């Protein structure tokens, strides 16, 4: 069986790119001052593969940790092992979900650094 393209995956799982973007608009953080319409228009210009990767990361963070803050707490706990470091915790809060997930998986020894987002996107493409 041939590998499905991102367009085929989007159509199969979500029906259309607009429906996928509609799901992502509610979960992704957007820059301050950007309206919902502008954010949605910007997401519609993103490739299907990137949208699938974003959806996979957001879904995994929501299911495994519940929120970005809980994921940041998990990364902090892995890296600091009981030592308090407010600056490091503040830096973690400023990272995107994909970056935090990558740091969590790398620290856990589950994947090589930088591969978590790629692995999440590949897993979404296979399902």
PDB file of N, CA and C in Angstrom:
ATOM      1  N   UNK A   1       0.837  -1.168   0.000  1.00  0.00           N
ATOM      2  CA  UNK A   1       0.000   0.000   0.000  1.00  0.00           C
ATOM      3  C   UNK A   1       0.889   1.241   0.000  1.00  0.00           C
ATOM      4  N   UNK A   2       0.565   2.197  -0.812  1.00  0.00           N
ATOM      5  CA  UNK A   2       1.342   3.427  -0.927  1.00  0.00           C
ATOM      6  C   UNK A   2       1.100   4.321   0.278  1.00  0.00           C
ATOM      7  N   UNK A   3       2.119   5.076   0.607  1.00  0.00           N
ATOM      8  CA  UNK A   3       2.019   6.005   1.723  1.00  0.00           C
ATOM      9  C   UNK A   3       1.048   7.131   1.363  1.00  0.00           C
ATOM     10  N   UNK A   4       0.193   7.480   2.312  1.00  0.00           N
ATOM     11  CA  UNK A   4      -0.785   8.532   2.062  1.00  0.00           C
ATOM     12  C   UNK A   4      -0.111   9.899   2.144  1.00  0.00           C
ATOM     13  N   UNK A   5      -0.581  10.803   1.325  1.00  0.00           N
ATOM     14  CA  UNK A   5      -0.077  12.172   1.357  1.00  0.00           C
ATOM     15  C   UNK A   5      -0.762  12.936   2.477  1.00  0.00           C
ATOM     16  N   UNK A   6      -0.176  14.051   2.917  1.00  0.00           N
ATOM     17  CA  UNK A   6      -0.828  14.854   3.950  1.00  0.00           C
ATOM     18  C   UNK A   6      -2.238  15.299   3.568  1.00  0.00           C
ATOM     19  N   UNK A   7      -2.464  15.604   2.302  1.00  0.00           N
ATOM     20  CA  UNK A   7      -3.800  16.015   1.862  1.00  0.00           C
ATOM     21  C   UNK A   7      -4.793  14.872   2.068  1.00  0.00           C
ATOM     22  N   UNK A   8      -4.397  13.661   1.720  1.00  0.00           N
ATOM     23  CA  UNK A   8      -5.270  12.505   1.902  1.00  0.00           C
ATOM     24  C   UNK A   8      -5.579  12.261   3.374  1.00  0.00           C
ATOM     25  N   UNK A   9      -4.573  12.412   4.218  1.00  0.00           N
ATOM     26  CA  UNK A   9      -4.760  12.210   5.654  1.00  0.00           C
ATOM     27  C   UNK A   9      -5.718  13.247   6.217  1.00  0.00           C
ATOM     28  N   UNK A  10      -5.539  14.508   5.824  1.00  0.00           N
ATOM     29  CA  UNK A  10      -6.420  15.577   6.301  1.00  0.00           C
ATOM     30  C   UNK A  10      -7.852  15.307   5.872  1.00  0.00           C
ATOM     31  N   UNK A  11      -8.048  14.944   4.625  1.00  0.00           N
ATOM     32  CA  UNK A  11      -9.406  14.674   4.130  1.00  0.00           C
ATOM     33  C   UNK A  11     -10.033  13.475   4.833  1.00  0.00           C
ATOM     34  N   UNK A  12      -9.230  12.446   5.102  1.00  0.00           N
ATOM     35  CA  UNK A  12      -9.726  11.233   5.737  1.00  0.00           C
ATOM     36  C   UNK A  12     -10.092  11.469   7.204  1.00  0.00           C
ATOM     37  N   UNK A  13      -9.232  12.171   7.944  1.00  0.00           N
ATOM     38  CA  UNK A  13      -9.439  12.336   9.384  1.00  0.00           C
ATOM     39  C   UNK A  13     -10.302  13.527   9.758  1.00  0.00           C
ATOM     40  N   UNK A  14     -10.263  14.597   8.956  1.00  0.00           N
ATOM     41  CA  UNK A  14     -10.959  15.823   9.334  1.00  0.00           C
ATOM     42  C   UNK A  14     -12.007  16.271   8.323  1.00  0.00           C
ATOM     43  N   UNK A  15     -11.966  15.740   7.131  1.00  0.00           N
ATOM     44  CA  UNK A  15     -12.926  16.136   6.097  1.00  0.00           C
ATOM     45  C   UNK A  15     -12.396  17.231   5.204  1.00  0.00           C
ATOM     46  N   UNK A  16     -11.774  18.237   5.792  1.00  0.00           N
ATOM     47  CA  UNK A  16     -11.190  19.326   5.006  1.00  0.00           C
ATOM     48  C   UNK A  16     -10.144  20.052   5.834  1.00  0.00           C
ATOM     49  N   UNK A  17      -9.341  20.831   5.154  1.00  0.00           N
ATOM     50  CA  UNK A  17      -8.315  21.623   5.821  1.00  0.00           C
ATOM     51  C   UNK A  17      -8.962  22.659   6.740  1.00  0.00           C
ATOM     52  N   UNK A  18     -10.096  23.202   6.326  1.00  0.00           N
ATOM     53  CA  UNK A  18     -10.785  24.217   7.128  1.00  0.00           C
ATOM     54  C   UNK A  18     -11.239  23.648   8.473  1.00  0.00           C
ATOM     55  N   UNK A  19     -11.696  22.399   8.488  1.00  0.00           N
ATOM     56  CA  UNK A  19     -12.122  21.777   9.742  1.00  0.00           C
ATOM     57  C   UNK A  19     -10.930  21.532  10.670  1.00  0.00           C
ATOM     58  N   UNK A  20      -9.798  21.123  10.104  1.00  0.00           N
ATOM     59  CA  UNK A  20      -8.586  20.933  10.892  1.00  0.00           C
ATOM     60  C   UNK A  20      -8.131  22.262  11.491  1.00  0.00           C
ATOM     61  N   UNK A  21      -8.125  23.301  10.673  1.00  0.00           N
ATOM     62  CA  UNK A  21      -7.747  24.632  11.155  1.00  0.00           C
ATOM     63  C   UNK A  21      -8.715  25.096  12.236  1.00  0.00           C
ATOM     64  N   UNK A  22      -9.990  24.816  12.057  1.00  0.00           N
ATOM     65  CA  UNK A  22     -10.986  25.173  13.066  1.00  0.00           C
ATOM     66  C   UNK A  22     -10.689  24.537  14.417  1.00  0.00           C
ATOM     67  N   UNK A  23     -10.244  23.287  14.411  1.00  0.00           N
ATOM     68  CA  UNK A  23      -9.870  22.614  15.659  1.00  0.00           C
ATOM     69  C   UNK A  23      -8.626  23.248  16.272  1.00  0.00           C
ATOM     70  N   UNK A  24      -7.662  23.593  15.424  1.00  0.00           N
ATOM     71  CA  UNK A  24      -6.401  24.137  15.924  1.00  0.00           C
ATOM     72  C   UNK A  24      -6.537  25.560  16.460  1.00  0.00           C
ATOM     73  N   UNK A  25      -7.441  26.334  15.902  1.00  0.00           N
ATOM     74  CA  UNK A  25      -7.598  27.732  16.333  1.00  0.00           C
ATOM     75  C   UNK A  25      -7.893  27.799  17.825  1.00  0.00           C
ATOM     76  N   UNK A  26      -8.676  26.871  18.318  1.00  0.00           N
ATOM     77  CA  UNK A  26      -9.027  26.874  19.728  1.00  0.00           C
ATOM     78  C   UNK A  26      -7.931  26.383  20.651  1.00  0.00           C
ATOM     79  N   UNK A  27      -6.961  25.640  20.135  1.00  0.00           N
ATOM     80  CA  UNK A  27      -5.937  25.054  20.998  1.00  0.00           C
ATOM     81  C   UNK A  27      -4.589  25.757  20.937  1.00  0.00           C
ATOM     82  N   UNK A  28      -4.255  26.362  19.814  1.00  0.00           N
ATOM     83  CA  UNK A  28      -2.941  27.000  19.671  1.00  0.00           C
ATOM     84  C   UNK A  28      -2.909  28.380  20.310  1.00  0.00           C
ATOM     85  N   UNK A  29      -1.723  28.742  20.812  1.00  0.00           N
ATOM     86  CA  UNK A  29      -1.535  30.093  21.334  1.00  0.00           C
ATOM     87  C   UNK A  29      -1.298  31.019  20.149  1.00  0.00           C
ATOM     88  N   UNK A  30      -1.918  32.182  20.196  1.00  0.00           N
ATOM     89  CA  UNK A  30      -1.716  33.144  19.112  1.00  0.00           C
ATOM     90  C   UNK A  30      -1.095  34.407  19.675  1.00  0.00           C
ATOM     91  N   UNK A  31      -0.395  35.145  18.840  1.00  0.00           N
ATOM     92  CA  UNK A  31       0.216  36.397  19.304  1.00  0.00           C
ATOM     93  C   UNK A  31      -0.850  37.365  19.809  1.00  0.00           C
ATOM     94  N   UNK A  32      -0.481  38.146  20.801  1.00  0.00           N
ATOM     95  CA  UNK A  32      -1.418  39.138  21.337  1.00  0.00           C
ATOM     96  C   UNK A  32      -1.799  40.132  20.261  1.00  0.00           C
ATOM     97  N   UNK A  33      -3.047  40.504  20.257  1.00  0.00           N
ATOM     98  CA  UNK A  33      -3.522  41.489  19.304  1.00  0.00           C
ATOM     99  C   UNK A  33      -3.962  40.912  17.970  1.00  0.00           C
ATOM    100  N   UNK A  34      -3.760  39.624  17.749  1.00  0.00           N
ATOM    101  CA  UNK A  34      -4.178  39.007  16.489  1.00  0.00           C
ATOM    102  C   UNK A  34      -5.602  38.468  16.654  1.00  0.00           C
ATOM    103  N   UNK A  35      -6.478  38.846  15.752  1.00  0.00           N
ATOM    104  CA  UNK A  35      -7.872  38.413  15.840  1.00  0.00           C
ATOM    105  C   UNK A  35      -8.011  36.947  15.424  1.00  0.00           C
ATOM    106  N   UNK A  36      -9.148  36.363  15.776  1.00  0.00           N
ATOM    107  CA  UNK A  36      -9.422  34.977  15.394  1.00  0.00           C
ATOM    108  C   UNK A  36      -9.407  34.805  13.880  1.00  0.00           C
ATOM    109  N   UNK A  37      -9.984  35.774  13.163  1.00  0.00           N
ATOM    110  CA  UNK A  37     -10.045  35.689  11.700  1.00  0.00           C
ATOM    111  C   UNK A  37      -8.650  35.745  11.085  1.00  0.00           C
ATOM    112  N   UNK A  38      -7.802  36.641  11.587  1.00  0.00           N
ATOM    113  CA  UNK A  38      -6.435  36.745  11.059  1.00  0.00           C
ATOM    114  C   UNK A  38      -5.640  35.488  11.356  1.00  0.00           C
ATOM    115  N   UNK A  39      -5.802  34.961  12.561  1.00  0.00           N
ATOM    116  CA  UNK A  39      -5.092  33.749  12.953  1.00  0.00           C
ATOM    117  C   UNK A  39      -5.534  32.567  12.089  1.00  0.00           C
ATOM    118  N   UNK A  40      -6.832  32.458  11.871  1.00  0.00           N
ATOM    119  CA  UNK A  40      -7.358  31.373  11.042  1.00  0.00           C
ATOM    120  C   UNK A  40      -6.864  31.506   9.604  1.00  0.00           C
ATOM    121  N   UNK A  41      -6.847  32.727   9.075  1.00  0.00           N
ATOM    122  CA  UNK A  41      -6.364  32.952   7.711  1.00  0.00           C
ATOM    123  C   UNK A  41      -4.886  32.577   7.594  1.00  0.00           C
ATOM    124  N   UNK A  42      -4.116  32.875   8.643  1.00  0.00           N
ATOM    125  CA  UNK A  42      -2.693  32.536   8.629  1.00  0.00           C
ATOM    126  C   UNK A  42      -2.508  31.018   8.677  1.00  0.00           C
ATOM    127  N   UNK A  43      -3.307  30.335   9.474  1.00  0.00           N
ATOM    128  CA  UNK A  43      -3.211  28.872   9.546  1.00  0.00           C
ATOM    129  C   UNK A  43      -3.628  28.204   8.240  1.00  0.00           C
ATOM    130  N   UNK A  44      -4.576  28.787   7.530  1.00  0.00           N
ATOM    131  CA  UNK A  44      -5.007  28.204   6.255  1.00  0.00           C
ATOM    132  C   UNK A  44      -3.898  28.234   5.204  1.00  0.00           C
ATOM    133  N   UNK A  45      -2.902  29.093   5.385  1.00  0.00           N
ATOM    134  CA  UNK A  45      -1.780  29.157   4.443  1.00  0.00           C
ATOM    135  C   UNK A  45      -0.662  28.175   4.792  1.00  0.00           C
ATOM    136  N   UNK A  46      -0.771  27.511   5.943  1.00  0.00           N
ATOM    137  CA  UNK A  46       0.240  26.556   6.385  1.00  0.00           C
ATOM    138  C   UNK A  46       0.013  25.226   5.665  1.00  0.00           C
ATOM    139  N   UNK A  47       1.094  24.489   5.432  1.00  0.00           N
ATOM    140  CA  UNK A  47       0.972  23.209   4.729  1.00  0.00           C
ATOM    141  C   UNK A  47       0.195  22.194   5.560  1.00  0.00           C
ATOM    142  N   UNK A  48      -0.399  21.236   4.884  1.00  0.00           N
ATOM    143  CA  UNK A  48      -1.155  20.180   5.553  1.00  0.00           C
ATOM    144  C   UNK A  48      -0.269  19.367   6.491  1.00  0.00           C
ATOM    145  N   UNK A  49       0.959  19.086   6.080  1.00  0.00           N
ATOM    146  CA  UNK A  49       1.877  18.309   6.921  1.00  0.00           C
ATOM    147  C   UNK A  49       2.155  19.050   8.229  1.00  0.00           C
ATOM    148  N   UNK A  50       2.372  20.345   8.153  1.00  0.00           N
ATOM    149  CA  UNK A  50       2.635  21.135   9.352  1.00  0.00           C
ATOM    150  C   UNK A  50       1.398  21.179  10.254  1.00  0.00           C
ATOM    151  N   UNK A  51       0.233  21.317   9.665  1.00  0.00           N
ATOM    152  CA  UNK A  51      -1.002  21.324  10.452  1.00  0.00           C
ATOM    153  C   UNK A  51      -1.209  19.982  11.155  1.00  0.00           C
ATOM    154  N   UNK A  52      -0.913  18.886  10.476  1.00  0.00           N
ATOM    155  CA  UNK A  52      -1.032  17.569  11.094  1.00  0.00           C
ATOM    156  C   UNK A  52      -0.056  17.418  12.257  1.00  0.00           C
ATOM    157  N   UNK A  53       1.158  17.930  12.093  1.00  0.00           N
ATOM    158  CA  UNK A  53       2.151  17.871  13.164  1.00  0.00           C
ATOM    159  C   UNK A  53       1.691  18.699  14.363  1.00  0.00           C
ATOM    160  N   UNK A  54       1.195  19.903  14.101  1.00  0.00           N
ATOM    161  CA  UNK A  54       0.691  20.756  15.181  1.00  0.00           C
ATOM    162  C   UNK A  54      -0.465  20.069  15.925  1.00  0.00           C
ATOM    163  N   UNK A  55      -1.367  19.455  15.176  1.00  0.00           N
ATOM    164  CA  UNK A  55      -2.501  18.762  15.784  1.00  0.00           C
ATOM    165  C   UNK A  55      -2.012  17.593  16.637  1.00  0.00           C
ATOM    166  N   UNK A  56      -1.032  16.842  16.143  1.00  0.00           N
ATOM    167  CA  UNK A  56      -0.506  15.698  16.891  1.00  0.00           C
ATOM    168  C   UNK A  56       0.142  16.148  18.199  1.00  0.00           C
ATOM    169  N   UNK A  57       0.920  17.213  18.158  1.00  0.00           N
ATOM    170  CA  UNK A  57       1.577  17.714  19.364  1.00  0.00           C
ATOM    171  C   UNK A  57       0.546  18.225  20.361  1.00  0.00           C
ATOM    172  N   UNK A  58      -0.400  19.032  19.898  1.00  0.00           N
ATOM    173  CA  UNK A  58      -1.415  19.595  20.792  1.00  0.00           C
ATOM    174  C   UNK A  58      -2.266  18.489  21.421  1.00  0.00           C
ATOM    175  N   UNK A  59      -2.610  17.486  20.634  1.00  0.00           N
ATOM    176  CA  UNK A  59      -3.407  16.373  21.141  1.00  0.00           C
ATOM    177  C   UNK A  59      -2.632  15.594  22.200  1.00  0.00           C
ATOM    178  N   UNK A  60      -1.369  15.334  21.923  1.00  0.00           N
ATOM    179  CA  UNK A  60      -0.551  14.573  22.878  1.00  0.00           C
ATOM    180  C   UNK A  60      -0.362  15.344  24.179  1.00  0.00           C
ATOM    181  N   UNK A  61      -0.108  16.636  24.090  1.00  0.00           N
ATOM    182  CA  UNK A  61       0.061  17.454  25.293  1.00  0.00           C
ATOM    183  C   UNK A  61      -1.235  17.448  26.104  1.00  0.00           C
ATOM    184  N   UNK A  62      -2.355  17.637  25.439  1.00  0.00           N
ATOM    185  CA  UNK A  62      -3.650  17.682  26.121  1.00  0.00           C
ATOM    186  C   UNK A  62      -3.971  16.332  26.779  1.00  0.00           C
ATOM    187  N   UNK A  63      -3.710  15.220  26.073  1.00  0.00           N
ATOM    188  CA  UNK A  63      -4.058  13.901  26.600  1.00  0.00           C
ATOM    189  C   UNK A  63      -3.090  13.421  27.676  1.00  0.00           C
ATOM    190  N   UNK A  64      -1.796  13.654  27.469  1.00  0.00           N
ATOM    191  CA  UNK A  64      -0.800  13.122  28.385  1.00  0.00           C
ATOM    192  C   UNK A  64      -0.580  14.019  29.605  1.00  0.00           C
ATOM    193  N   UNK A  65      -0.678  15.337  29.435  1.00  0.00           N
ATOM    194  CA  UNK A  65      -0.357  16.252  30.519  1.00  0.00           C
ATOM    195  C   UNK A  65      -1.529  17.135  30.942  1.00  0.00           C
ATOM    196  N   UNK A  66      -2.453  17.376  30.083  1.00  0.00           N
ATOM    197  CA  UNK A  66      -3.593  18.214  30.417  1.00  0.00           C
ATOM    198  C   UNK A  66      -3.444  19.658  30.009  1.00  0.00           C
ATOM    199  N   UNK A  67      -2.248  20.213  30.185  1.00  0.00           N
ATOM    200  CA  UNK A  67      -2.025  21.608  29.808  1.00  0.00           C
ATOM    201  C   UNK A  67      -0.536  21.857  29.593  1.00  0.00           C
ATOM    202  N   UNK A  68      -0.238  23.000  29.012  1.00  0.00           N
ATOM    203  CA  UNK A  68       1.147  23.391  28.769  1.00  0.00           C
ATOM    204  C   UNK A  68       1.889  23.568  30.092  1.00  0.00           C
ATOM    205  N   UNK A  69       1.216  24.129  31.085  1.00  0.00           N
ATOM    206  CA  UNK A  69       1.856  24.367  32.382  1.00  0.00           C
ATOM    207  C   UNK A  69       2.240  23.054  33.066  1.00  0.00           C
ATOM    208  N   UNK A  70       1.390  22.042  32.955  1.00  0.00           N
ATOM    209  CA  UNK A  70       1.706  20.740  33.546  1.00  0.00           C
ATOM    210  C   UNK A  70       2.871  20.083  32.813  1.00  0.00           C
ATOM    211  N   UNK A  71       2.936  20.264  31.506  1.00  0.00           N
ATOM    212  CA  UNK A  71       4.074  19.754  30.739  1.00  0.00           C
ATOM    213  C   UNK A  71       5.349  20.478  31.153  1.00  0.00           C
ATOM    214  N   UNK A  72       5.284  21.793  31.308  1.00  0.00           N
ATOM    215  CA  UNK A  72       6.449  22.563  31.751  1.00  0.00           C
ATOM    216  C   UNK A  72       6.887  22.115  33.139  1.00  0.00           C
ATOM    217  N   UNK A  73       5.933  21.836  34.017  1.00  0.00           N
ATOM    218  CA  UNK A  73       6.263  21.324  35.351  1.00  0.00           C
ATOM    219  C   UNK A  73       6.973  19.976  35.268  1.00  0.00           C
ATOM    220  N   UNK A  74       6.522  19.111  34.358  1.00  0.00           N
ATOM    221  CA  UNK A  74       7.144  17.793  34.194  1.00  0.00           C
ATOM    222  C   UNK A  74       8.576  17.927  33.686  1.00  0.00           C
ATOM    223  N   UNK A  75       8.806  18.817  32.735  1.00  0.00           N
ATOM    224  CA  UNK A  75      10.166  19.042  32.220  1.00  0.00           C
ATOM    225  C   UNK A  75      11.039  19.616  33.332  1.00  0.00           C
ATOM    226  N   UNK A  76      10.496  20.563  34.076  1.00  0.00           N
ATOM    227  CA  UNK A  76      11.225  21.181  35.182  1.00  0.00           C
ATOM    228  C   UNK A  76      11.626  20.131  36.212  1.00  0.00           C
ATOM    229  N   UNK A  77      10.706  19.253  36.555  1.00  0.00           N
ATOM    230  CA  UNK A  77      10.989  18.213  37.539  1.00  0.00           C
ATOM    231  C   UNK A  77      12.066  17.251  37.040  1.00  0.00           C
ATOM    232  N   UNK A  78      12.041  16.928  35.760  1.00  0.00           N
ATOM    233  CA  UNK A  78      13.055  16.043  35.189  1.00  0.00           C
ATOM    234  C   UNK A  78      14.438  16.669  35.236  1.00  0.00           C
ATOM    235  N   UNK A  79      14.507  17.931  34.878  1.00  0.00           N
ATOM    236  CA  UNK A  79      15.795  18.594  34.735  1.00  0.00           C
ATOM    237  C   UNK A  79      16.389  19.064  36.059  1.00  0.00           C
ATOM    238  N   UNK A  80      15.557  19.486  37.005  1.00  0.00           N
ATOM    239  CA  UNK A  80      16.062  20.124  38.221  1.00  0.00           C
ATOM    240  C   UNK A  80      16.184  19.177  39.406  1.00  0.00           C
ATOM    241  N   UNK A  81      15.497  18.101  39.422  1.00  0.00           N
ATOM    242  CA  UNK A  81      15.593  17.078  40.477  1.00  0.00           C
ATOM    243  C   UNK A  81      15.588  17.687  41.881  1.00  0.00           C
ATOM    244  N   UNK A  82      14.608  18.544  42.168  1.00  0.00           N
ATOM    245  CA  UNK A  82      14.442  19.092  43.508  1.00  0.00           C
ATOM    246  C   UNK A  82      15.082  20.451  43.736  1.00  0.00           C
ATOM    247  N   UNK A  83      15.974  20.894  42.866  1.00  0.00           N
ATOM    248  CA  UNK A  83      16.589  22.213  43.013  1.00  0.00           C
ATOM    249  C   UNK A  83      15.634  23.278  42.482  1.00  0.00           C
ATOM    250  N   UNK A  84      15.519  24.372  43.190  1.00  0.00           N
ATOM    251  CA  UNK A  84      14.632  25.453  42.762  1.00  0.00           C
ATOM    252  C   UNK A  84      15.379  26.393  41.821  1.00  0.00           C
ATOM    253  N   UNK A  85      14.779  26.717  40.702  1.00  0.00           N
ATOM    254  CA  UNK A  85      15.360  27.642  39.736  1.00  0.00           C
ATOM    255  C   UNK A  85      14.213  28.341  39.006  1.00  0.00           C
ATOM    256  N   UNK A  86      13.826  29.503  39.520  1.00  0.00           N
ATOM    257  CA  UNK A  86      12.685  30.229  38.967  1.00  0.00           C
ATOM    258  C   UNK A  86      12.943  30.712  37.545  1.00  0.00           C
ATOM    259  N   UNK A  87      14.186  31.085  37.230  1.00  0.00           N
ATOM    260  CA  UNK A  87      14.501  31.565  35.885  1.00  0.00           C
ATOM    261  C   UNK A  87      14.323  30.458  34.853  1.00  0.00           C
ATOM    262  N   UNK A  88      14.782  29.259  35.185  1.00  0.00           N
ATOM    263  CA  UNK A  88      14.630  28.132  34.270  1.00  0.00           C
ATOM    264  C   UNK A  88      13.151  27.820  34.060  1.00  0.00           C
ATOM    265  N   UNK A  89      12.380  27.832  35.144  1.00  0.00           N
ATOM    266  CA  UNK A  89      10.940  27.563  35.039  1.00  0.00           C
ATOM    267  C   UNK A  89      10.253  28.618  34.177  1.00  0.00           C
ATOM    268  N   UNK A  90      10.671  29.878  34.319  1.00  0.00           N
ATOM    269  CA  UNK A  90      10.092  30.957  33.515  1.00  0.00           C
ATOM    270  C   UNK A  90      10.438  30.770  32.037  1.00  0.00           C
ATOM    271  N   UNK A  91      11.667  30.334  31.753  1.00  0.00           N
ATOM    272  CA  UNK A  91      12.055  30.080  30.359  1.00  0.00           C
ATOM    273  C   UNK A  91      11.227  28.945  29.765  1.00  0.00           C
ATOM    274  N   UNK A  92      10.982  27.917  30.552  1.00  0.00           N
ATOM    275  CA  UNK A  92      10.162  26.803  30.070  1.00  0.00           C
ATOM    276  C   UNK A  92       8.756  27.263  29.712  1.00  0.00           C
ATOM    277  N   UNK A  93       8.210  28.172  30.488  1.00  0.00           N
ATOM    278  CA  UNK A  93       6.856  28.677  30.219  1.00  0.00           C
ATOM    279  C   UNK A  93       6.782  29.425  28.902  1.00  0.00           C
ATOM    280  N   UNK A  94       7.898  29.969  28.441  1.00  0.00           N
ATOM    281  CA  UNK A  94       7.923  30.717  27.194  1.00  0.00           C
ATOM    282  C   UNK A  94       8.081  29.865  25.950  1.00  0.00           C
ATOM    283  N   UNK A  95       8.340  28.572  26.115  1.00  0.00           N
ATOM    284  CA  UNK A  95       8.525  27.687  24.968  1.00  0.00           C
ATOM    285  C   UNK A  95       7.179  27.224  24.413  1.00  0.00           C
ATOM    286  N   UNK A  96       7.204  26.847  23.137  1.00  0.00           N
ATOM    287  CA  UNK A  96       6.003  26.283  22.514  1.00  0.00           C
ATOM    288  C   UNK A  96       5.822  24.841  22.970  1.00  0.00           C
ATOM    289  N   UNK A  97       4.631  24.313  22.804  1.00  0.00           N
ATOM    290  CA  UNK A  97       4.325  22.947  23.231  1.00  0.00           C
ATOM    291  C   UNK A  97       5.242  21.919  22.582  1.00  0.00           C
ATOM    292  N   UNK A  98       5.523  22.075  21.303  1.00  0.00           N
ATOM    293  CA  UNK A  98       6.387  21.116  20.606  1.00  0.00           C
ATOM    294  C   UNK A  98       7.791  21.111  21.206  1.00  0.00           C
ATOM    295  N   UNK A  99       8.290  22.290  21.561  1.00  0.00           N
ATOM    296  CA  UNK A  99       9.622  22.371  22.169  1.00  0.00           C
ATOM    297  C   UNK A  99       9.627  21.720  23.556  1.00  0.00           C
ATOM    298  N   UNK A 100       8.585  21.974  24.333  1.00  0.00           N
ATOM    299  CA  UNK A 100       8.493  21.368  25.659  1.00  0.00           C
ATOM    300  C   UNK A 100       8.377  19.849  25.566  1.00  0.00           C
ATOM    301  N   UNK A 101       7.562  19.368  24.650  1.00  0.00           N
ATOM    302  CA  UNK A 101       7.397  17.934  24.476  1.00  0.00           C
ATOM    303  C   UNK A 101       8.718  17.294  24.054  1.00  0.00           C
ATOM    304  N   UNK A 102       9.450  17.950  23.184  1.00  0.00           N
ATOM    305  CA  UNK A 102      10.750  17.462  22.747  1.00  0.00           C
ATOM    306  C   UNK A 102      11.708  17.361  23.934  1.00  0.00           C
ATOM    307  N   UNK A 103      11.742  18.382  24.775  1.00  0.00           N
ATOM    308  CA  UNK A 103      12.618  18.366  25.950  1.00  0.00           C
ATOM    309  C   UNK A 103      12.211  17.260  26.923  1.00  0.00           C
ATOM    310  N   UNK A 104      10.911  17.070  27.114  1.00  0.00           N
ATOM    311  CA  UNK A 104      10.434  16.028  28.011  1.00  0.00           C
ATOM    312  C   UNK A 104      10.847  14.648  27.506  1.00  0.00           C
ATOM    313  N   UNK A 105      10.613  14.369  26.231  1.00  0.00           N
ATOM    314  CA  UNK A 105      10.931  13.056  25.680  1.00  0.00           C
ATOM    315  C   UNK A 105      12.431  12.814  25.628  1.00  0.00           C
ATOM    316  N   UNK A 106      13.212  13.851  25.332  1.00  0.00           N
ATOM    317  CA  UNK A 106      14.666  13.708  25.289  1.00  0.00           C
ATOM    318  C   UNK A 106      15.214  13.413  26.685  1.00  0.00           C
ATOM    319  N   UNK A 107      14.702  14.106  27.694  1.00  0.00           N
ATOM    320  CA  UNK A 107      15.156  13.884  29.065  1.00  0.00           C
ATOM    321  C   UNK A 107      14.754  12.501  29.569  1.00  0.00           C
ATOM    322  N   UNK A 108      13.624  12.016  29.089  1.00  0.00           N
ATOM    323  CA  UNK A 108      13.160  10.690  29.487  1.00  0.00           C
ATOM    324  C   UNK A 108      13.914   9.590  28.736  1.00  0.00           C
ATOM    325  N   UNK A 109      14.705   9.989  27.733  1.00  0.00           N
ATOM    326  CA  UNK A 109      15.472   9.018  26.965  1.00  0.00           C
ATOM    327  C   UNK A 109      14.658   8.270  25.947  1.00  0.00           C
ATOM    328  N   UNK A 110      13.488   8.800  25.602  1.00  0.00           N
ATOM    329  CA  UNK A 110      12.607   8.103  24.662  1.00  0.00           C
ATOM    330  C   UNK A 110      12.947   8.391  23.211  1.00  0.00           C
ATOM    331  N   UNK A 111      13.487   9.574  22.924  1.00  0.00           N
ATOM    332  CA  UNK A 111      13.875   9.935  21.561  1.00  0.00           C
ATOM    333  C   UNK A 111      15.094  10.841  21.621  1.00  0.00           C
ATOM    334  N   UNK A 112      15.759  10.981  20.492  1.00  0.00           N
ATOM    335  CA  UNK A 112      16.889  11.897  20.400  1.00  0.00           C
ATOM    336  C   UNK A 112      16.384  13.336  20.433  1.00  0.00           C
ATOM    337  N   UNK A 113      17.178  14.267  20.963  1.00  0.00           N
ATOM    338  CA  UNK A 113      16.748  15.670  20.973  1.00  0.00           C
ATOM    339  C   UNK A 113      16.397  16.149  19.572  1.00  0.00           C
ATOM    340  N   UNK A 114      15.304  16.891  19.464  1.00  0.00           N
ATOM    341  CA  UNK A 114      14.866  17.427  18.183  1.00  0.00           C
ATOM    342  C   UNK A 114      13.954  16.500  17.400  1.00  0.00           C
ATOM    343  N   UNK A 115      13.788  15.284  17.851  1.00  0.00           N
ATOM    344  CA  UNK A 115      13.002  14.317  17.089  1.00  0.00           C
ATOM    345  C   UNK A 115      11.577  14.166  17.569  1.00  0.00           C
ATOM    346  N   UNK A 116      11.237  14.728  18.698  1.00  0.00           N
ATOM    347  CA  UNK A 116       9.898  14.520  19.264  1.00  0.00           C
ATOM    348  C   UNK A 116       8.804  15.056  18.357  1.00  0.00           C
ATOM    349  N   UNK A 117       8.961  16.267  17.875  1.00  0.00           N
ATOM    350  CA  UNK A 117       7.926  16.849  17.016  1.00  0.00           C
ATOM    351  C   UNK A 117       7.822  16.073  15.716  1.00  0.00           C
ATOM    352  N   UNK A 118       8.951  15.636  15.167  1.00  0.00           N
ATOM    353  CA  UNK A 118       8.913  14.861  13.935  1.00  0.00           C
ATOM    354  C   UNK A 118       8.229  13.523  14.174  1.00  0.00           C
ATOM    355  N   UNK A 119       8.522  12.914  15.322  1.00  0.00           N
ATOM    356  CA  UNK A 119       7.916  11.619  15.648  1.00  0.00           C
ATOM    357  C   UNK A 119       6.414  11.754  15.861  1.00  0.00           C
ATOM    358  N   UNK A 120       5.989  12.830  16.536  1.00  0.00           N
ATOM    359  CA  UNK A 120       4.560  13.054  16.756  1.00  0.00           C
ATOM    360  C   UNK A 120       3.832  13.253  15.431  1.00  0.00           C
ATOM    361  N   UNK A 121       4.455  13.998  14.518  1.00  0.00           N
ATOM    362  CA  UNK A 121       3.852  14.225  13.204  1.00  0.00           C
ATOM    363  C   UNK A 121       3.788  12.947  12.403  1.00  0.00           C
ATOM    364  N   UNK A 122       4.810  12.128  12.493  1.00  0.00           N
ATOM    365  CA  UNK A 122       4.811  10.858  11.763  1.00  0.00           C
ATOM    366  C   UNK A 122       3.770   9.904  12.325  1.00  0.00           C
ATOM    367  N   UNK A 123       3.594   9.927  13.631  1.00  0.00           N
ATOM    368  CA  UNK A 123       2.592   9.061  14.246  1.00  0.00           C
ATOM    369  C   UNK A 123       1.186   9.484  13.818  1.00  0.00           C
ATOM    370  N   UNK A 124       0.981  10.769  13.709  1.00  0.00           N
ATOM    371  CA  UNK A 124      -0.338  11.253  13.279  1.00  0.00           C
ATOM    372  C   UNK A 124      -0.587  10.879  11.820  1.00  0.00           C
ATOM    373  N   UNK A 125       0.451  10.892  11.022  1.00  0.00           N
ATOM    374  CA  UNK A 125       0.316  10.568   9.615  1.00  0.00           C
ATOM    375  C   UNK A 125      -0.023   9.093   9.418  1.00  0.00           C
ATOM    376  N   UNK A 126       0.482   8.230  10.312  1.00  0.00           N
ATOM    377  CA  UNK A 126       0.234   6.804  10.185  1.00  0.00           C
ATOM    378  C   UNK A 126      -1.159   6.400  10.634  1.00  0.00           C
ATOM    379  N   UNK A 127      -1.728   7.180  11.575  1.00  0.00           N
ATOM    380  CA  UNK A 127      -3.049   6.788  12.105  1.00  0.00           C
ATOM    381  C   UNK A 127      -4.174   7.242  11.240  1.00  0.00           C
TER     382      UNK A 127
END
